[in-house]
PDB file of N, CA and C in Angstrom:
ATOM      1  N   MET A   1      -3.971  -7.343  -8.997  1.00  0.00           N
ATOM      2  CA  MET A   1      -5.365  -7.675  -8.726  1.00  0.00           C
ATOM      3  C   MET A   1      -5.673  -7.023  -7.495  1.00  0.00           C
ATOM      4  N   SER A   2      -6.734  -6.358  -7.474  1.00  0.00           N
ATOM      5  CA  SER A   2      -7.319  -5.720  -6.377  1.00  0.00           C
ATOM      6  C   SER A   2      -8.592  -6.282  -5.812  1.00  0.00           C
ATOM      7  N   ASN A   3      -9.072  -5.947  -4.657  1.00  0.00           N
ATOM      8  CA  ASN A   3     -10.309  -6.491  -4.312  1.00  0.00           C
ATOM      9  C   ASN A   3     -10.944  -5.533  -3.212  1.00  0.00           C
ATOM     10  N   PHE A   4     -12.335  -5.780  -3.158  1.00  0.00           N
ATOM     11  CA  PHE A   4     -13.037  -4.917  -2.181  1.00  0.00           C
ATOM     12  C   PHE A   4     -14.380  -5.663  -1.835  1.00  0.00           C
ATOM     13  N   ARG A   5     -15.012  -5.188  -0.724  1.00  0.00           N
ATOM     14  CA  ARG A   5     -16.238  -5.818  -0.304  1.00  0.00           C
ATOM     15  C   ARG A   5     -17.276  -4.940  -0.702  1.00  0.00           C
ATOM     16  N   LEU A   6     -18.458  -5.524  -1.130  1.00  0.00           N
ATOM     17  CA  LEU A   6     -19.749  -4.803  -1.495  1.00  0.00           C
ATOM     18  C   LEU A   6     -20.760  -5.074  -0.350  1.00  0.00           C
ATOM     19  N   LEU A   7     -21.393  -4.067   0.140  1.00  0.00           N
ATOM     20  CA  LEU A   7     -22.586  -4.182   1.198  1.00  0.00           C
ATOM     21  C   LEU A   7     -23.834  -3.738   0.521  1.00  0.00           C
ATOM     22  N   LYS A   8     -24.707  -4.671   0.235  1.00  0.00           N
ATOM     23  CA  LYS A   8     -25.872  -4.435  -0.452  1.00  0.00           C
ATOM     24  C   LYS A   8     -25.663  -3.796  -1.897  1.00  0.00           C
ATOM     25  N   GLY A   9     -24.555  -4.334  -2.533  1.00  0.00           N
ATOM     26  CA  GLY A   9     -24.254  -3.896  -3.924  1.00  0.00           C
ATOM     27  C   GLY A   9     -23.348  -2.526  -4.013  1.00  0.00           C
ATOM     28  N   VAL A  10     -23.021  -2.011  -2.803  1.00  0.00           N
ATOM     29  CA  VAL A  10     -22.200  -0.791  -2.757  1.00  0.00           C
ATOM     30  C   VAL A  10     -20.840  -1.009  -2.257  1.00  0.00           C
ATOM     31  N   ALA A  11     -19.828  -0.534  -2.909  1.00  0.00           N
ATOM     32  CA  ALA A  11     -18.479  -0.803  -2.379  1.00  0.00           C
ATOM     33  C   ALA A  11     -18.286  -0.118  -1.020  1.00  0.00           C
ATOM     34  N   ILE A  12     -17.571  -0.869  -0.115  1.00  0.00           N
ATOM     35  CA  ILE A  12     -17.182  -0.314   1.206  1.00  0.00           C
ATOM     36  C   ILE A  12     -15.801   0.357   1.013  1.00  0.00           C
ATOM     37  N   PRO A  13     -15.693   1.646   0.889  1.00  0.00           N
ATOM     38  CA  PRO A  13     -14.338   2.251   0.662  1.00  0.00           C
ATOM     39  C   PRO A  13     -13.169   1.752   1.519  1.00  0.00           C
ATOM     40  N   ALA A  14     -13.349   1.478   2.745  1.00  0.00           N
ATOM     41  CA  ALA A  14     -12.391   1.074   3.649  1.00  0.00           C
ATOM     42  C   ALA A  14     -11.949  -0.334   3.420  1.00  0.00           C
ATOM     43  N   SER A  15     -12.673  -1.146   2.516  1.00  0.00           N
ATOM     44  CA  SER A  15     -12.364  -2.511   2.312  1.00  0.00           C
ATOM     45  C   SER A  15     -11.339  -2.847   1.063  1.00  0.00           C
ATOM     46  N   VAL A  16     -11.042  -1.682   0.357  1.00  0.00           N
ATOM     47  CA  VAL A  16     -10.284  -1.919  -0.875  1.00  0.00           C
ATOM     48  C   VAL A  16      -8.923  -2.256  -0.575  1.00  0.00           C
ATOM     49  N   THR A  17      -8.392  -3.278  -1.141  1.00  0.00           N
ATOM     50  CA  THR A  17      -6.985  -3.853  -0.966  1.00  0.00           C
ATOM     51  C   THR A  17      -6.370  -3.781  -2.303  1.00  0.00           C
ATOM     52  N   SER A  18      -5.320  -2.941  -2.638  1.00  0.00           N
ATOM     53  CA  SER A  18      -4.745  -2.818  -4.074  1.00  0.00           C
ATOM     54  C   SER A  18      -3.115  -2.945  -3.661  1.00  0.00           C
ATOM     55  N   PRO A  19      -2.581  -4.162  -3.669  1.00  0.00           N
ATOM     56  CA  PRO A  19      -1.258  -4.387  -3.497  1.00  0.00           C
ATOM     57  C   PRO A  19      -0.349  -3.807  -4.707  1.00  0.00           C
ATOM     58  N   ALA A  20       0.794  -3.405  -4.329  1.00  0.00           N
ATOM     59  CA  ALA A  20       1.660  -2.919  -5.449  1.00  0.00           C
ATOM     60  C   ALA A  20       2.314  -4.081  -6.342  1.00  0.00           C
ATOM     61  N   VAL A  21       2.324  -5.216  -5.703  1.00  0.00           N
ATOM     62  CA  VAL A  21       2.935  -6.339  -6.344  1.00  0.00           C
ATOM     63  C   VAL A  21       2.179  -7.543  -6.220  1.00  0.00           C
ATOM     64  N   ALA A  22       2.421  -8.555  -7.082  1.00  0.00           N
ATOM     65  CA  ALA A  22       1.650  -9.886  -6.949  1.00  0.00           C
ATOM     66  C   ALA A  22       1.642 -10.380  -5.533  1.00  0.00           C
ATOM     67  N   THR A  23       0.654 -11.033  -5.161  1.00  0.00           N
ATOM     68  CA  THR A  23       0.466 -11.466  -3.682  1.00  0.00           C
ATOM     69  C   THR A  23      -0.205 -12.826  -3.778  1.00  0.00           C
ATOM     70  N   THR A  24       0.072 -13.619  -2.745  1.00  0.00           N
ATOM     71  CA  THR A  24      -0.629 -14.954  -2.523  1.00  0.00           C
ATOM     72  C   THR A  24      -1.805 -14.833  -1.436  1.00  0.00           C
ATOM     73  N   ALA A  25      -1.933 -13.544  -0.807  1.00  0.00           N
ATOM     74  CA  ALA A  25      -2.911 -13.493   0.177  1.00  0.00           C
ATOM     75  C   ALA A  25      -3.524 -11.980   0.294  1.00  0.00           C
ATOM     76  N   TYR A  26      -4.623 -11.795   0.502  1.00  0.00           N
ATOM     77  CA  TYR A  26      -5.288 -10.455   0.637  1.00  0.00           C
ATOM     78  C   TYR A  26      -5.844 -10.440   2.034  1.00  0.00           C
ATOM     79  N   LEU A  27      -5.400  -9.522   2.790  1.00  0.00           N
ATOM     80  CA  LEU A  27      -5.876  -9.267   4.205  1.00  0.00           C
ATOM     81  C   LEU A  27      -6.248  -7.901   4.445  1.00  0.00           C
ATOM     82  N   GLY A  28      -7.348  -7.781   5.225  1.00  0.00           N
ATOM     83  CA  GLY A  28      -7.834  -6.255   5.514  1.00  0.00           C
ATOM     84  C   GLY A  28      -8.864  -6.372   6.649  1.00  0.00           C
ATOM     85  N   ASP A  29      -8.704  -5.224   7.495  1.00  0.00           N
ATOM     86  CA  ASP A  29      -9.477  -5.109   8.606  1.00  0.00           C
ATOM     87  C   ASP A  29     -10.287  -3.752   8.410  1.00  0.00           C
ATOM     88  N   PHE A  30     -11.457  -3.648   8.668  1.00  0.00           N
ATOM     89  CA  PHE A  30     -12.184  -2.436   8.686  1.00  0.00           C
ATOM     90  C   PHE A  30     -13.486  -2.577   9.453  1.00  0.00           C
ATOM     91  N   ILE A  31     -14.126  -1.467   9.922  1.00  0.00           N
ATOM     92  CA  ILE A  31     -15.292  -1.443  10.658  1.00  0.00           C
ATOM     93  C   ILE A  31     -16.361  -0.748   9.867  1.00  0.00           C
ATOM     94  N   THR A  32     -17.572  -1.267   9.774  1.00  0.00           N
ATOM     95  CA  THR A  32     -18.727  -0.696   9.118  1.00  0.00           C
ATOM     96  C   THR A  32     -20.035  -1.193   9.729  1.00  0.00           C
ATOM     97  N   THR A  33     -21.080  -0.418   9.522  1.00  0.00           N
ATOM     98  CA  THR A  33     -22.431  -0.761  10.113  1.00  0.00           C
ATOM     99  C   THR A  33     -23.085  -1.735   9.029  1.00  0.00           C
ATOM    100  N   VAL A  34     -23.418  -2.846   9.575  1.00  0.00           N
ATOM    101  CA  VAL A  34     -24.245  -3.829   8.748  1.00  0.00           C
ATOM    102  C   VAL A  34     -25.586  -4.105   9.422  1.00  0.00           C
ATOM    103  N   THR A  35     -26.713  -4.023   8.669  1.00  0.00           N
ATOM    104  CA  THR A  35     -27.964  -4.305   9.307  1.00  0.00           C
ATOM    105  C   THR A  35     -28.319  -5.733   9.022  1.00  0.00           C
ATOM    106  N   ALA A  36     -29.286  -6.256   9.812  1.00  0.00           N
ATOM    107  CA  ALA A  36     -29.730  -7.675   9.632  1.00  0.00           C
ATOM    108  C   ALA A  36     -30.238  -7.755   8.148  1.00  0.00           C
ATOM    109  N   GLY A  37     -29.812  -8.931   7.639  1.00  0.00           N
ATOM    110  CA  GLY A  37     -30.337  -9.300   6.217  1.00  0.00           C
ATOM    111  C   GLY A  37     -29.533  -8.702   5.070  1.00  0.00           C
ATOM    112  N   SER A  38     -28.400  -7.997   5.409  1.00  0.00           N
ATOM    113  CA  SER A  38     -27.506  -7.357   4.483  1.00  0.00           C
ATOM    114  C   SER A  38     -26.663  -8.493   3.773  1.00  0.00           C
ATOM    115  N   THR A  39     -26.401  -8.201   2.520  1.00  0.00           N
ATOM    116  CA  THR A  39     -25.470  -9.105   1.700  1.00  0.00           C
ATOM    117  C   THR A  39     -24.173  -8.639   1.534  1.00  0.00           C
ATOM    118  N   ILE A  40     -23.073  -9.241   1.868  1.00  0.00           N
ATOM    119  CA  ILE A  40     -21.733  -8.868   1.711  1.00  0.00           C
ATOM    120  C   ILE A  40     -21.071  -9.759   0.755  1.00  0.00           C
ATOM    121  N   ILE A  41     -20.497  -9.099  -0.263  1.00  0.00           N
ATOM    122  CA  ILE A  41     -19.943  -9.835  -1.360  1.00  0.00           C
ATOM    123  C   ILE A  41     -18.330  -9.389  -1.589  1.00  0.00           C
ATOM    124  N   LEU A  42     -17.368 -10.351  -1.809  1.00  0.00           N
ATOM    125  CA  LEU A  42     -16.055 -10.096  -2.091  1.00  0.00           C
ATOM    126  C   LEU A  42     -15.927  -9.998  -3.573  1.00  0.00           C
ATOM    127  N   GLN A  43     -15.364  -8.986  -4.060  1.00  0.00           N
ATOM    128  CA  GLN A  43     -15.210  -8.753  -5.526  1.00  0.00           C
ATOM    129  C   GLN A  43     -13.667  -8.458  -5.866  1.00  0.00           C
ATOM    130  N   MET A  44     -13.140  -9.153  -6.821  1.00  0.00           N
ATOM    131  CA  MET A  44     -11.825  -9.063  -7.254  1.00  0.00           C
ATOM    132  C   MET A  44     -11.860  -8.340  -8.602  1.00  0.00           C
ATOM    133  N   PHE A  45     -10.848  -7.382  -8.806  1.00  0.00           N
ATOM    134  CA  PHE A  45     -10.945  -6.631 -10.162  1.00  0.00           C
ATOM    135  C   PHE A  45      -9.498  -6.259 -10.473  1.00  0.00           C
ATOM    136  N   GLY A  46      -9.363  -5.770 -11.665  1.00  0.00           N
ATOM    137  CA  GLY A  46      -7.924  -5.355 -12.005  1.00  0.00           C
ATOM    138  C   GLY A  46      -7.531  -5.944 -13.389  1.00  0.00           C
ATOM    139  N   LEU A  47      -6.185  -6.034 -13.590  1.00  0.00           N
ATOM    140  CA  LEU A  47      -5.608  -6.480 -14.844  1.00  0.00           C
ATOM    141  C   LEU A  47      -6.229  -8.059 -15.034  1.00  0.00           C
ATOM    142  N   VAL A  48      -6.256  -8.231 -16.435  1.00  0.00           N
ATOM    143  CA  VAL A  48      -6.762  -9.678 -16.795  1.00  0.00           C
ATOM    144  C   VAL A  48      -5.717 -10.514 -16.183  1.00  0.00           C
ATOM    145  N   ALA A  49      -6.217 -11.475 -15.275  1.00  0.00           N
ATOM    146  CA  ALA A  49      -5.369 -12.447 -14.575  1.00  0.00           C
ATOM    147  C   ALA A  49      -6.344 -13.537 -14.153  1.00  0.00           C
ATOM    148  N   THR A  50      -5.644 -14.708 -13.778  1.00  0.00           N
ATOM    149  CA  THR A  50      -6.419 -15.769 -13.278  1.00  0.00           C
ATOM    150  C   THR A  50      -6.110 -15.869 -11.780  1.00  0.00           C
ATOM    151  N   VAL A  51      -7.237 -16.070 -11.105  1.00  0.00           N
ATOM    152  CA  VAL A  51      -7.134 -16.135  -9.619  1.00  0.00           C
ATOM    153  C   VAL A  51      -7.477 -17.654  -9.331  1.00  0.00           C
ATOM    154  N   VAL A  52      -6.567 -18.163  -8.588  1.00  0.00           N
ATOM    155  CA  VAL A  52      -6.877 -19.605  -8.244  1.00  0.00           C
ATOM    156  C   VAL A  52      -7.078 -19.570  -6.669  1.00  0.00           C
ATOM    157  N   LEU A  53      -8.143 -19.955  -6.199  1.00  0.00           N
ATOM    158  CA  LEU A  53      -8.409 -19.962  -4.717  1.00  0.00           C
ATOM    159  C   LEU A  53      -8.176 -21.433  -4.150  1.00  0.00           C
ATOM    160  N   SER A  54      -7.319 -21.570  -3.375  1.00  0.00           N
ATOM    161  CA  SER A  54      -6.882 -22.696  -2.724  1.00  0.00           C
ATOM    162  C   SER A  54      -7.883 -23.017  -1.458  1.00  0.00           C
ATOM    163  N   PRO A  55      -8.067 -24.179  -1.101  1.00  0.00           N
ATOM    164  CA  PRO A  55      -9.023 -24.414   0.100  1.00  0.00           C
ATOM    165  C   PRO A  55      -8.503 -23.648   1.282  1.00  0.00           C
ATOM    166  N   PRO A  56      -9.323 -22.834   1.978  1.00  0.00           N
ATOM    167  CA  PRO A  56     -10.770 -22.941   1.963  1.00  0.00           C
ATOM    168  C   PRO A  56     -11.346 -21.902   0.870  1.00  0.00           C
ATOM    169  N   GLY A  57     -10.610 -21.307  -0.066  1.00  0.00           N
ATOM    170  CA  GLY A  57     -11.068 -20.297  -0.855  1.00  0.00           C
ATOM    171  C   GLY A  57     -11.067 -19.030  -0.109  1.00  0.00           C
ATOM    172  N   ALA A  58     -12.123 -18.180  -0.256  1.00  0.00           N
ATOM    173  CA  ALA A  58     -12.208 -17.057   0.329  1.00  0.00           C
ATOM    174  C   ALA A  58     -12.988 -17.101   1.690  1.00  0.00           C
ATOM    175  N   THR A  59     -12.554 -16.455   2.581  1.00  0.00           N
ATOM    176  CA  THR A  59     -13.208 -16.424   4.085  1.00  0.00           C
ATOM    177  C   THR A  59     -13.373 -14.954   4.505  1.00  0.00           C
ATOM    178  N   ILE A  60     -14.378 -14.838   5.329  1.00  0.00           N
ATOM    179  CA  ILE A  60     -14.691 -13.510   5.952  1.00  0.00           C
ATOM    180  C   ILE A  60     -15.067 -13.817   7.316  1.00  0.00           C
ATOM    181  N   ASN A  61     -14.635 -13.051   8.292  1.00  0.00           N
ATOM    182  CA  ASN A  61     -15.053 -13.033   9.739  1.00  0.00           C
ATOM    183  C   ASN A  61     -15.772 -11.818   9.991  1.00  0.00           C
ATOM    184  N   ILE A  62     -17.030 -11.969  10.577  1.00  0.00           N
ATOM    185  CA  ILE A  62     -17.757 -10.702  10.967  1.00  0.00           C
ATOM    186  C   ILE A  62     -17.983 -10.863  12.438  1.00  0.00           C
ATOM    187  N   ILE A  63     -17.520  -9.810  13.209  1.00  0.00           N
ATOM    188  CA  ILE A  63     -17.735  -9.774  14.591  1.00  0.00           C
ATOM    189  C   ILE A  63     -18.640  -8.657  14.939  1.00  0.00           C
ATOM    190  N   ARG A  64     -19.497  -8.882  15.827  1.00  0.00           N
ATOM    191  CA  ARG A  64     -20.587  -8.033  16.213  1.00  0.00           C
ATOM    192  C   ARG A  64     -20.050  -7.248  17.455  1.00  0.00           C
ATOM    193  N   LEU A  65     -19.928  -5.955  17.267  1.00  0.00           N
ATOM    194  CA  LEU A  65     -19.522  -5.139  18.326  1.00  0.00           C
ATOM    195  C   LEU A  65     -20.832  -4.322  18.888  1.00  0.00           C
ATOM    196  N   SER A  66     -20.976  -4.199  20.314  1.00  0.00           N
ATOM    197  CA  SER A  66     -22.124  -3.598  20.712  1.00  0.00           C
ATOM    198  C   SER A  66     -21.821  -2.549  21.864  1.00  0.00           C
TER     199      SER A  66
END
């Protein structure tokens, strides 16, 4: 199972995570420009599989750099 982030409906290439083996956690760091009011979405894709999100589910940290 792989995942990536979408910014305003467009995939952010630097955010793609594609592990070679099954995993229990997906981690990734990348820098991109985000304008006010933008929507960021986490999307998982790949083989037909069940994804179980344990609490807290999916989290994202956004840090403003100036």
